[in-house]
Amino acid sequence: VFLVDMKKNELKLRPTGFTNESCYLPPLRHPAVTSFLDSPASEVNQYLIHGGKTPNNELSQKLYVMSIVPSVNKKSLLCCIEKDLVGDIPEARYGHSMNVVHSRGKTAVVLFGGRSYIPLNQRTTEKWNSVTDCQPFVYLIDLQFGCSTAYTIKEIQDGLCFHISVSRNDTVYIIGGHTLESNLRSPNIYKIKVDLLLGSPAITCTVLQSRLSVSSAIVTHTCPDEFLIVGGYESDSQKRMTCNKVSISNDTIDIQELETPEWTGDVKQSKT
């Protein structure tokens, strides 16, 4: 396990380990990962990890909370804790998204999309690892108590996977993604707004149009209101070599294409 430092445009990897109190965190492929502050005044990031494929090709439905803690020898360690959920527990999945929203002084997690294995009663030896799109439920998770509630949003009729998700305050934007039935990447942006009312949270969704149709892109947070989207796929066989800047302000989202760097031959020719 490594921590990544960036100094003077150079990436440096620092080996680290887990505290004795940490639970076991298996290597996972395609989990949903997001970071958050446990309070607005806090400067310590925590990280949420949900789902993903294990080395045994099984799907995880566990939610982990990870934080960086200092040790006596000034070497930072990771503390990983499994968070138990109750209520409408999201099924094991991969290729989904997870974002943290803030509303009325409270915090919640929004989980959406992904793929899962077909139900056990439908699996055969030949199709044991066959997958299906998850139902298009939006899950709202209270991190303090571990309560999970599934919401049906009429504007979202299909489950999406490998989409992009970015958030600001009480709003999550779901961008792109695709389904098993279609090779097309969705041109829609689903704007999901969460109002954490006492006792009965409310979720509304507005469908916006975008010129950005992509899946499996890399997304990074560059400043509080801006994100950078790199690469991805426009179809199963068409790589996307462009970059976009996403700016979120008040109640609007703006996506602009950026000047594309000179990619190396390895990047252009690779299948990932």
C-alpha atoms as a PDB file:
ATOM      1  CA  VAL A   1       0.000   0.000   0.000  1.00  0.00           C
ATOM      2  CA  PHE A   2       1.337   3.419  -0.950  1.00  0.00           C
ATOM      3  CA  LEU A   3       0.531   7.052  -0.267  1.00  0.00           C
ATOM      4  CA  VAL A   4       1.004   9.392  -3.213  1.00  0.00           C
ATOM      5  CA  ASP A   5       2.688  12.778  -2.849  1.00  0.00           C
ATOM      6  CA  MET A   6       2.986  15.323  -5.624  1.00  0.00           C
ATOM      7  CA  LYS A   7       5.783  17.866  -5.312  1.00  0.00           C
ATOM      8  CA  LYS A   8       7.071  20.110  -8.086  1.00  0.00           C
ATOM      9  CA  ASN A   9       5.055  18.148 -10.664  1.00  0.00           C
ATOM     10  CA  GLU A  10       6.652  14.883  -9.562  1.00  0.00           C
ATOM     11  CA  LEU A  11       4.706  11.944  -8.173  1.00  0.00           C
ATOM     12  CA  LYS A  12       6.303  10.155  -5.260  1.00  0.00           C
ATOM     13  CA  LEU A  13       5.085   6.904  -3.720  1.00  0.00           C
ATOM     14  CA  ARG A  14       5.526   6.396   0.015  1.00  0.00           C
ATOM     15  CA  PRO A  15       4.978   2.877   1.363  1.00  0.00           C
ATOM     16  CA  THR A  16       2.599   2.647   4.297  1.00  0.00           C
ATOM     17  CA  GLY A  17       0.618   0.074   6.243  1.00  0.00           C
ATOM     18  CA  PHE A  18      -2.516  -0.402   8.325  1.00  0.00           C
ATOM     19  CA  THR A  19      -3.024   0.109  12.046  1.00  0.00           C
ATOM     20  CA  ASN A  20      -3.549  -2.914  14.279  1.00  0.00           C
ATOM     21  CA  GLU A  21      -7.188  -1.910  14.727  1.00  0.00           C
ATOM     22  CA  SER A  22      -7.892  -2.011  10.987  1.00  0.00           C
ATOM     23  CA  CYS A  23     -10.080  -4.645   9.381  1.00  0.00           C
ATOM     24  CA  TYR A  24      -8.940  -6.641   6.367  1.00  0.00           C
ATOM     25  CA  LEU A  25      -9.351  -4.767   3.081  1.00  0.00           C
ATOM     26  CA  PRO A  26      -9.077  -7.124   0.086  1.00  0.00           C
ATOM     27  CA  PRO A  27      -7.708  -5.943  -3.269  1.00  0.00           C
ATOM     28  CA  LEU A  28     -10.751  -4.667  -5.173  1.00  0.00           C
ATOM     29  CA  ARG A  29     -11.343  -3.941  -8.855  1.00  0.00           C
ATOM     30  CA  HIS A  30     -13.827  -1.256  -9.930  1.00  0.00           C
ATOM     31  CA  PRO A  31     -15.134  -0.293  -6.457  1.00  0.00           C
ATOM     32  CA  ALA A  32     -16.868   3.022  -5.826  1.00  0.00           C
ATOM     33  CA  VAL A  33     -14.502   5.400  -4.014  1.00  0.00           C
ATOM     34  CA  THR A  34     -15.005   8.909  -2.678  1.00  0.00           C
ATOM     35  CA  SER A  35     -13.437  11.215  -0.111  1.00  0.00           C
ATOM     36  CA  PHE A  36     -15.094  13.455   2.453  1.00  0.00           C
ATOM     37  CA  LEU A  37     -14.485  15.553   5.553  1.00  0.00           C
ATOM     38  CA  ASP A  38     -16.156  14.270   8.713  1.00  0.00           C
ATOM     39  CA  SER A  39     -17.041  17.876   9.603  1.00  0.00           C
ATOM     40  CA  PRO A  40     -16.916  21.192   7.691  1.00  0.00           C
ATOM     41  CA  ALA A  41     -14.138  22.455   9.999  1.00  0.00           C
ATOM     42  CA  SER A  42     -12.047  19.308   9.649  1.00  0.00           C
ATOM     43  CA  GLU A  43      -8.928  19.206   7.489  1.00  0.00           C
ATOM     44  CA  VAL A  44      -8.595  15.416   7.627  1.00  0.00           C
ATOM     45  CA  ASN A  45      -9.919  13.537   4.642  1.00  0.00           C
ATOM     46  CA  GLN A  46     -11.663  10.221   5.063  1.00  0.00           C
ATOM     47  CA  TYR A  47     -12.324   7.808   2.244  1.00  0.00           C
ATOM     48  CA  LEU A  48     -15.267   5.548   1.488  1.00  0.00           C
ATOM     49  CA  ILE A  49     -14.861   2.333  -0.499  1.00  0.00           C
ATOM     50  CA  HIS A  50     -17.842   0.221  -1.542  1.00  0.00           C
ATOM     51  CA  GLY A  51     -18.242  -2.901  -3.655  1.00  0.00           C
ATOM     52  CA  GLY A  52     -15.826  -4.065  -6.315  1.00  0.00           C
ATOM     53  CA  LYS A  53     -14.497  -7.435  -7.457  1.00  0.00           C
ATOM     54  CA  THR A  54     -12.283  -9.482  -5.141  1.00  0.00           C
ATOM     55  CA  PRO A  55      -9.326 -11.611  -6.354  1.00  0.00           C
ATOM     56  CA  ASN A  56     -11.689 -14.631  -6.285  1.00  0.00           C
ATOM     57  CA  ASN A  57     -13.944 -12.837  -8.785  1.00  0.00           C
ATOM     58  CA  GLU A  58     -16.609 -12.402  -6.129  1.00  0.00           C
ATOM     59  CA  LEU A  59     -18.473  -9.123  -5.710  1.00  0.00           C
ATOM     60  CA  SER A  60     -18.296  -7.236  -2.444  1.00  0.00           C
ATOM     61  CA  GLN A  61     -21.208  -5.451  -0.800  1.00  0.00           C
ATOM     62  CA  LYS A  62     -19.147  -4.089   2.067  1.00  0.00           C
ATOM     63  CA  LEU A  63     -18.615  -0.425   2.879  1.00  0.00           C
ATOM     64  CA  TYR A  64     -15.227   0.582   4.278  1.00  0.00           C
ATOM     65  CA  VAL A  65     -14.242   3.861   5.916  1.00  0.00           C
ATOM     66  CA  MET A  66     -10.536   4.662   5.627  1.00  0.00           C
ATOM     67  CA  SER A  67      -8.552   7.469   7.209  1.00  0.00           C
ATOM     68  CA  ILE A  68      -4.888   8.448   7.507  1.00  0.00           C
ATOM     69  CA  VAL A  69      -3.540   8.555  11.060  1.00  0.00           C
ATOM     70  CA  PRO A  70      -0.087   9.695  12.230  1.00  0.00           C
ATOM     71  CA  SER A  71       2.167   7.299  14.124  1.00  0.00           C
ATOM     72  CA  VAL A  72       4.938   7.868  16.651  1.00  0.00           C
ATOM     73  CA  ASN A  73       7.710   7.639  14.061  1.00  0.00           C
ATOM     74  CA  LYS A  74       6.061  10.291  11.857  1.00  0.00           C
ATOM     75  CA  LYS A  75       5.051   7.638   9.340  1.00  0.00           C
ATOM     76  CA  SER A  76       1.408   7.890   8.343  1.00  0.00           C
ATOM     77  CA  LEU A  77      -0.675   4.723   8.637  1.00  0.00           C
ATOM     78  CA  LEU A  78      -4.093   3.816   7.289  1.00  0.00           C
ATOM     79  CA  CYS A  79      -6.999   2.902   9.526  1.00  0.00           C
ATOM     80  CA  CYS A  80      -9.724   0.914   7.764  1.00  0.00           C
ATOM     81  CA  ILE A  81     -13.059   0.094   9.403  1.00  0.00           C
ATOM     82  CA  GLU A  82     -15.967  -1.850   7.944  1.00  0.00           C
ATOM     83  CA  LYS A  83     -19.245   0.057   8.284  1.00  0.00           C
ATOM     84  CA  ASP A  84     -22.327  -2.060   8.960  1.00  0.00           C
ATOM     85  CA  LEU A  85     -25.458  -1.056   7.053  1.00  0.00           C
ATOM     86  CA  VAL A  86     -29.120  -1.651   7.869  1.00  0.00           C
ATOM     87  CA  GLY A  87     -32.296  -1.106   5.870  1.00  0.00           C
ATOM     88  CA  ASP A  88     -32.171  -1.242   2.070  1.00  0.00           C
ATOM     89  CA  ILE A  89     -28.646  -2.599   1.738  1.00  0.00           C
ATOM     90  CA  PRO A  90     -27.174  -2.160  -1.777  1.00  0.00           C
ATOM     91  CA  GLU A  91     -26.425  -5.497  -3.397  1.00  0.00           C
ATOM     92  CA  ALA A  92     -22.848  -6.464  -4.212  1.00  0.00           C
ATOM     93  CA  ARG A  93     -21.768  -4.576  -7.330  1.00  0.00           C
ATOM     94  CA  TYR A  94     -18.969  -2.930  -9.291  1.00  0.00           C
ATOM     95  CA  GLY A  95     -18.694  -0.053 -11.770  1.00  0.00           C
ATOM     96  CA  HIS A  96     -20.972   2.173  -9.671  1.00  0.00           C
ATOM     97  CA  SER A  97     -20.552   5.594  -8.051  1.00  0.00           C
ATOM     98  CA  MET A  98     -20.637   7.058  -4.567  1.00  0.00           C
ATOM     99  CA  ASN A  99     -20.713  10.715  -3.511  1.00  0.00           C
ATOM    100  CA  VAL A 100     -21.078  12.627  -0.257  1.00  0.00           C
ATOM    101  CA  VAL A 101     -23.698  15.386   0.004  1.00  0.00           C
ATOM    102  CA  HIS A 102     -24.229  18.056   2.667  1.00  0.00           C
ATOM    103  CA  SER A 103     -27.626  19.542   3.514  1.00  0.00           C
ATOM    104  CA  ARG A 104     -29.056  21.339   6.549  1.00  0.00           C
ATOM    105  CA  GLY A 105     -25.890  20.688   8.536  1.00  0.00           C
ATOM    106  CA  LYS A 106     -26.036  16.937   7.895  1.00  0.00           C
ATOM    107  CA  THR A 107     -24.084  14.565   5.684  1.00  0.00           C
ATOM    108  CA  ALA A 108     -25.191  11.557   3.632  1.00  0.00           C
ATOM    109  CA  VAL A 109     -23.822   9.258   0.951  1.00  0.00           C
ATOM    110  CA  VAL A 110     -25.469   8.851  -2.466  1.00  0.00           C
ATOM    111  CA  LEU A 111     -24.801   5.488  -4.155  1.00  0.00           C
ATOM    112  CA  PHE A 112     -25.976   4.684  -7.675  1.00  0.00           C
ATOM    113  CA  GLY A 113     -25.600   2.278 -10.587  1.00  0.00           C
ATOM    114  CA  GLY A 114     -23.195  -0.522 -11.335  1.00  0.00           C
ATOM    115  CA  ARG A 115     -23.408  -4.165 -12.329  1.00  0.00           C
ATOM    116  CA  SER A 116     -23.978  -7.305 -10.299  1.00  0.00           C
ATOM    117  CA  TYR A 117     -24.100 -11.030 -10.952  1.00  0.00           C
ATOM    118  CA  ILE A 118     -27.421 -12.478 -12.049  1.00  0.00           C
ATOM    119  CA  PRO A 119     -29.428 -14.013  -9.151  1.00  0.00           C
ATOM    120  CA  LEU A 120     -28.257 -17.385  -7.858  1.00  0.00           C
ATOM    121  CA  ASN A 121     -31.454 -19.124  -8.956  1.00  0.00           C
ATOM    122  CA  GLN A 122     -30.737 -18.051 -12.554  1.00  0.00           C
ATOM    123  CA  ARG A 123     -27.054 -18.971 -12.640  1.00  0.00           C
ATOM    124  CA  THR A 124     -25.817 -22.057 -14.454  1.00  0.00           C
ATOM    125  CA  THR A 125     -22.349 -23.539 -14.761  1.00  0.00           C
ATOM    126  CA  GLU A 126     -21.937 -21.978 -18.200  1.00  0.00           C
ATOM    127  CA  LYS A 127     -23.249 -18.585 -17.074  1.00  0.00           C
ATOM    128  CA  TRP A 128     -21.968 -18.514 -13.502  1.00  0.00           C
ATOM    129  CA  ASN A 129     -20.259 -15.144 -13.880  1.00  0.00           C
ATOM    130  CA  SER A 130     -22.917 -13.508 -16.067  1.00  0.00           C
ATOM    131  CA  VAL A 131     -23.705  -9.965 -14.967  1.00  0.00           C
ATOM    132  CA  THR A 132     -26.689  -7.656 -15.177  1.00  0.00           C
ATOM    133  CA  ASP A 133     -27.230  -3.937 -14.716  1.00  0.00           C
ATOM    134  CA  CYS A 134     -28.288  -3.041 -11.187  1.00  0.00           C
ATOM    135  CA  GLN A 135     -31.752  -1.597 -10.691  1.00  0.00           C
ATOM    136  CA  PRO A 136     -31.781   2.211 -11.091  1.00  0.00           C
ATOM    137  CA  PHE A 137     -32.273   2.867  -7.387  1.00  0.00           C
ATOM    138  CA  VAL A 138     -30.620   5.817  -5.701  1.00  0.00           C
ATOM    139  CA  TYR A 139     -29.393   4.797  -2.247  1.00  0.00           C
ATOM    140  CA  LEU A 140     -29.108   7.357   0.517  1.00  0.00           C
ATOM    141  CA  ILE A 141     -26.855   6.230   3.373  1.00  0.00           C
ATOM    142  CA  ASP A 142     -26.613   7.854   6.801  1.00  0.00           C
ATOM    143  CA  LEU A 143     -22.992   7.317   7.828  1.00  0.00           C
ATOM    144  CA  GLN A 144     -23.622   8.038  11.499  1.00  0.00           C
ATOM    145  CA  PHE A 145     -26.185   5.272  12.005  1.00  0.00           C
ATOM    146  CA  GLY A 146     -25.523   3.122   8.934  1.00  0.00           C
ATOM    147  CA  CYS A 147     -29.123   3.429   7.709  1.00  0.00           C
ATOM    148  CA  SER A 148     -29.557   2.866   3.962  1.00  0.00           C
ATOM    149  CA  THR A 149     -32.709   3.763   2.031  1.00  0.00           C
ATOM    150  CA  ALA A 150     -33.416   3.035  -1.639  1.00  0.00           C
ATOM    151  CA  TYR A 151     -35.304   5.621  -3.698  1.00  0.00           C
ATOM    152  CA  THR A 152     -36.972   5.168  -7.071  1.00  0.00           C
ATOM    153  CA  ILE A 153     -36.455   8.196  -9.321  1.00  0.00           C
ATOM    154  CA  LYS A 154     -38.895   8.386 -12.229  1.00  0.00           C
ATOM    155  CA  GLU A 155     -36.425  10.318 -14.388  1.00  0.00           C
ATOM    156  CA  ILE A 156     -33.911   7.447 -14.235  1.00  0.00           C
ATOM    157  CA  GLN A 157     -35.331   4.388 -15.978  1.00  0.00           C
ATOM    158  CA  ASP A 158     -32.143   2.382 -16.552  1.00  0.00           C
ATOM    159  CA  GLY A 159     -29.239   1.353 -14.420  1.00  0.00           C
ATOM    160  CA  LEU A 160     -25.931   2.821 -15.569  1.00  0.00           C
ATOM    161  CA  CYS A 161     -22.399   1.614 -15.023  1.00  0.00           C
ATOM    162  CA  PHE A 162     -18.921   3.107 -15.386  1.00  0.00           C
ATOM    163  CA  HIS A 163     -20.465   6.581 -15.410  1.00  0.00           C
ATOM    164  CA  ILE A 164     -18.942   9.774 -14.026  1.00  0.00           C
ATOM    165  CA  SER A 165     -20.254  11.353 -10.846  1.00  0.00           C
ATOM    166  CA  VAL A 166     -19.315  14.707  -9.327  1.00  0.00           C
ATOM    167  CA  SER A 167     -20.925  16.520  -6.425  1.00  0.00           C
ATOM    168  CA  ARG A 168     -21.105  19.868  -4.694  1.00  0.00           C
ATOM    169  CA  ASN A 169     -22.972  20.593  -1.459  1.00  0.00           C
ATOM    170  CA  ASP A 170     -26.401  18.921  -1.775  1.00  0.00           C
ATOM    171  CA  THR A 171     -26.237  17.964  -5.466  1.00  0.00           C
ATOM    172  CA  VAL A 172     -24.771  15.022  -7.389  1.00  0.00           C
ATOM    173  CA  TYR A 173     -24.344  15.038 -11.169  1.00  0.00           C
ATOM    174  CA  ILE A 174     -24.377  11.654 -12.945  1.00  0.00           C
ATOM    175  CA  ILE A 175     -22.695  11.960 -16.360  1.00  0.00           C
ATOM    176  CA  GLY A 176     -22.468   9.413 -19.182  1.00  0.00           C
ATOM    177  CA  GLY A 177     -22.238   5.684 -18.504  1.00  0.00           C
ATOM    178  CA  HIS A 178     -23.884   2.871 -20.408  1.00  0.00           C
ATOM    179  CA  THR A 179     -25.971  -0.300 -20.054  1.00  0.00           C
ATOM    180  CA  LEU A 180     -25.417  -3.896 -21.141  1.00  0.00           C
ATOM    181  CA  GLU A 181     -28.158  -3.575 -23.749  1.00  0.00           C
ATOM    182  CA  SER A 182     -26.619  -0.583 -25.497  1.00  0.00           C
ATOM    183  CA  ASN A 183     -23.148   0.262 -26.751  1.00  0.00           C
ATOM    184  CA  LEU A 184     -24.111   3.945 -26.674  1.00  0.00           C
ATOM    185  CA  ARG A 185     -22.903   6.239 -23.915  1.00  0.00           C
ATOM    186  CA  SER A 186     -25.687   8.317 -22.414  1.00  0.00           C
ATOM    187  CA  PRO A 187     -25.708  12.033 -23.368  1.00  0.00           C
ATOM    188  CA  ASN A 188     -27.787  12.798 -20.273  1.00  0.00           C
ATOM    189  CA  ILE A 189     -26.690  14.447 -17.067  1.00  0.00           C
ATOM    190  CA  TYR A 190     -28.832  13.438 -14.110  1.00  0.00           C
ATOM    191  CA  LYS A 191     -28.829  16.224 -11.554  1.00  0.00           C
ATOM    192  CA  ILE A 192     -29.786  14.641  -8.226  1.00  0.00           C
ATOM    193  CA  LYS A 193     -30.566  17.105  -5.444  1.00  0.00           C
ATOM    194  CA  VAL A 194     -30.829  15.865  -1.853  1.00  0.00           C
ATOM    195  CA  ASP A 195     -32.682  17.708   0.900  1.00  0.00           C
ATOM    196  CA  LEU A 196     -31.895  16.090   4.256  1.00  0.00           C
ATOM    197  CA  LEU A 197     -35.151  16.988   5.957  1.00  0.00           C
ATOM    198  CA  LEU A 198     -35.556  15.686   9.490  1.00  0.00           C
ATOM    199  CA  GLY A 199     -37.066  12.198   9.373  1.00  0.00           C
ATOM    200  CA  SER A 200     -37.889  12.195   5.663  1.00  0.00           C
ATOM    201  CA  PRO A 201     -35.147  13.179   3.189  1.00  0.00           C
ATOM    202  CA  ALA A 202     -36.313  14.341  -0.236  1.00  0.00           C
ATOM    203  CA  ILE A 203     -34.595  13.553  -3.547  1.00  0.00           C
ATOM    204  CA  THR A 204     -35.367  15.324  -6.816  1.00  0.00           C
ATOM    205  CA  CYS A 205     -33.861  14.725 -10.250  1.00  0.00           C
ATOM    206  CA  THR A 206     -33.526  16.971 -13.288  1.00  0.00           C
ATOM    207  CA  VAL A 207     -32.362  15.632 -16.659  1.00  0.00           C
ATOM    208  CA  LEU A 208     -29.887  17.857 -18.503  1.00  0.00           C
ATOM    209  CA  GLN A 209     -28.353  17.397 -21.934  1.00  0.00           C
ATOM    210  CA  SER A 210     -24.619  17.235 -22.539  1.00  0.00           C
ATOM    211  CA  ARG A 211     -22.204  16.874 -25.435  1.00  0.00           C
ATOM    212  CA  LEU A 212     -20.117  14.601 -23.235  1.00  0.00           C
ATOM    213  CA  SER A 213     -20.995  10.922 -23.813  1.00  0.00           C
ATOM    214  CA  VAL A 214     -18.396   8.805 -22.070  1.00  0.00           C
ATOM    215  CA  SER A 215     -17.776   5.871 -19.762  1.00  0.00           C
ATOM    216  CA  SER A 216     -14.812   4.623 -17.714  1.00  0.00           C
ATOM    217  CA  ALA A 217     -13.181   8.063 -17.611  1.00  0.00           C
ATOM    218  CA  ILE A 218     -10.757   9.256 -14.936  1.00  0.00           C
ATOM    219  CA  VAL A 219     -12.141  12.053 -12.746  1.00  0.00           C
ATOM    220  CA  THR A 220     -10.144  14.132 -10.290  1.00  0.00           C
ATOM    221  CA  HIS A 221     -11.046  17.044  -8.021  1.00  0.00           C
ATOM    222  CA  THR A 222      -8.821  20.015  -8.909  1.00  0.00           C
ATOM    223  CA  CYS A 223     -10.416  22.646  -6.630  1.00  0.00           C
ATOM    224  CA  PRO A 224     -13.639  22.928  -4.588  1.00  0.00           C
ATOM    225  CA  ASP A 225     -15.854  23.686  -7.600  1.00  0.00           C
ATOM    226  CA  GLU A 226     -13.890  22.134 -10.470  1.00  0.00           C
ATOM    227  CA  PHE A 227     -13.178  18.640 -11.731  1.00  0.00           C
ATOM    228  CA  LEU A 228     -11.017  17.270 -14.533  1.00  0.00           C
ATOM    229  CA  ILE A 229     -12.220  14.411 -16.760  1.00  0.00           C
ATOM    230  CA  VAL A 230      -9.595  12.488 -18.714  1.00  0.00           C
ATOM    231  CA  GLY A 231      -9.982   9.738 -21.306  1.00  0.00           C
ATOM    232  CA  GLY A 232     -12.621   7.034 -21.190  1.00  0.00           C
ATOM    233  CA  TYR A 233     -14.615   5.379 -23.948  1.00  0.00           C
ATOM    234  CA  GLU A 234     -17.162   6.725 -26.428  1.00  0.00           C
ATOM    235  CA  SER A 235     -18.121   3.141 -27.353  1.00  0.00           C
ATOM    236  CA  ASP A 236     -16.795  -0.326 -26.566  1.00  0.00           C
ATOM    237  CA  SER A 237     -14.195   0.015 -29.328  1.00  0.00           C
ATOM    238  CA  GLN A 238     -13.643   3.792 -29.443  1.00  0.00           C
ATOM    239  CA  LYS A 239     -11.265   5.315 -26.907  1.00  0.00           C
ATOM    240  CA  ARG A 240     -11.690   8.936 -25.942  1.00  0.00           C
ATOM    241  CA  MET A 241      -8.436  10.901 -25.952  1.00  0.00           C
ATOM    242  CA  THR A 242      -9.770  14.318 -24.888  1.00  0.00           C
ATOM    243  CA  CYS A 243      -9.933  16.154 -21.549  1.00  0.00           C
ATOM    244  CA  ASN A 244     -12.719  18.258 -20.062  1.00  0.00           C
ATOM    245  CA  LYS A 245     -13.052  20.704 -17.203  1.00  0.00           C
ATOM    246  CA  VAL A 246     -16.274  20.540 -15.190  1.00  0.00           C
ATOM    247  CA  SER A 247     -17.231  23.677 -13.264  1.00  0.00           C
ATOM    248  CA  ILE A 248     -20.097  23.679 -10.768  1.00  0.00           C
ATOM    249  CA  SER A 249     -21.455  26.952  -9.411  1.00  0.00           C
ATOM    250  CA  ASN A 250     -24.643  27.532  -7.478  1.00  0.00           C
ATOM    251  CA  ASP A 251     -27.210  25.488  -9.397  1.00  0.00           C
ATOM    252  CA  THR A 252     -25.446  25.052 -12.735  1.00  0.00           C
ATOM    253  CA  ILE A 253     -22.840  22.799 -14.315  1.00  0.00           C
ATOM    254  CA  ASP A 254     -20.540  23.781 -17.180  1.00  0.00           C
ATOM    255  CA  ILE A 255     -18.372  21.366 -19.185  1.00  0.00           C
ATOM    256  CA  GLN A 256     -15.585  22.689 -21.397  1.00  0.00           C
ATOM    257  CA  GLU A 257     -13.106  20.785 -23.550  1.00  0.00           C
ATOM    258  CA  LEU A 258      -9.455  21.449 -22.748  1.00  0.00           C
ATOM    259  CA  GLU A 259      -6.363  21.347 -24.904  1.00  0.00           C
ATOM    260  CA  THR A 260      -5.360  17.711 -25.242  1.00  0.00           C
ATOM    261  CA  PRO A 261      -1.840  16.778 -24.138  1.00  0.00           C
ATOM    262  CA  GLU A 262       0.500  14.905 -26.448  1.00  0.00           C
ATOM    263  CA  TRP A 263      -0.237  11.338 -25.414  1.00  0.00           C
ATOM    264  CA  THR A 264       2.541   8.760 -25.573  1.00  0.00           C
ATOM    265  CA  GLY A 265       2.269   5.791 -27.908  1.00  0.00           C
ATOM    266  CA  ASP A 266       1.614   3.491 -24.955  1.00  0.00           C
ATOM    267  CA  VAL A 267      -1.460   5.501 -23.999  1.00  0.00           C
ATOM    268  CA  LYS A 268      -2.773   5.705 -27.561  1.00  0.00           C
ATOM    269  CA  GLN A 269      -2.378   2.002 -28.261  1.00  0.00           C
ATOM    270  CA  SER A 270      -3.358   0.511 -24.913  1.00  0.00           C
ATOM    271  CA  LYS A 271      -6.763  -1.103 -24.477  1.00  0.00           C
ATOM    272  CA  THR A 272      -7.355   0.507 -21.084  1.00  0.00           C
END
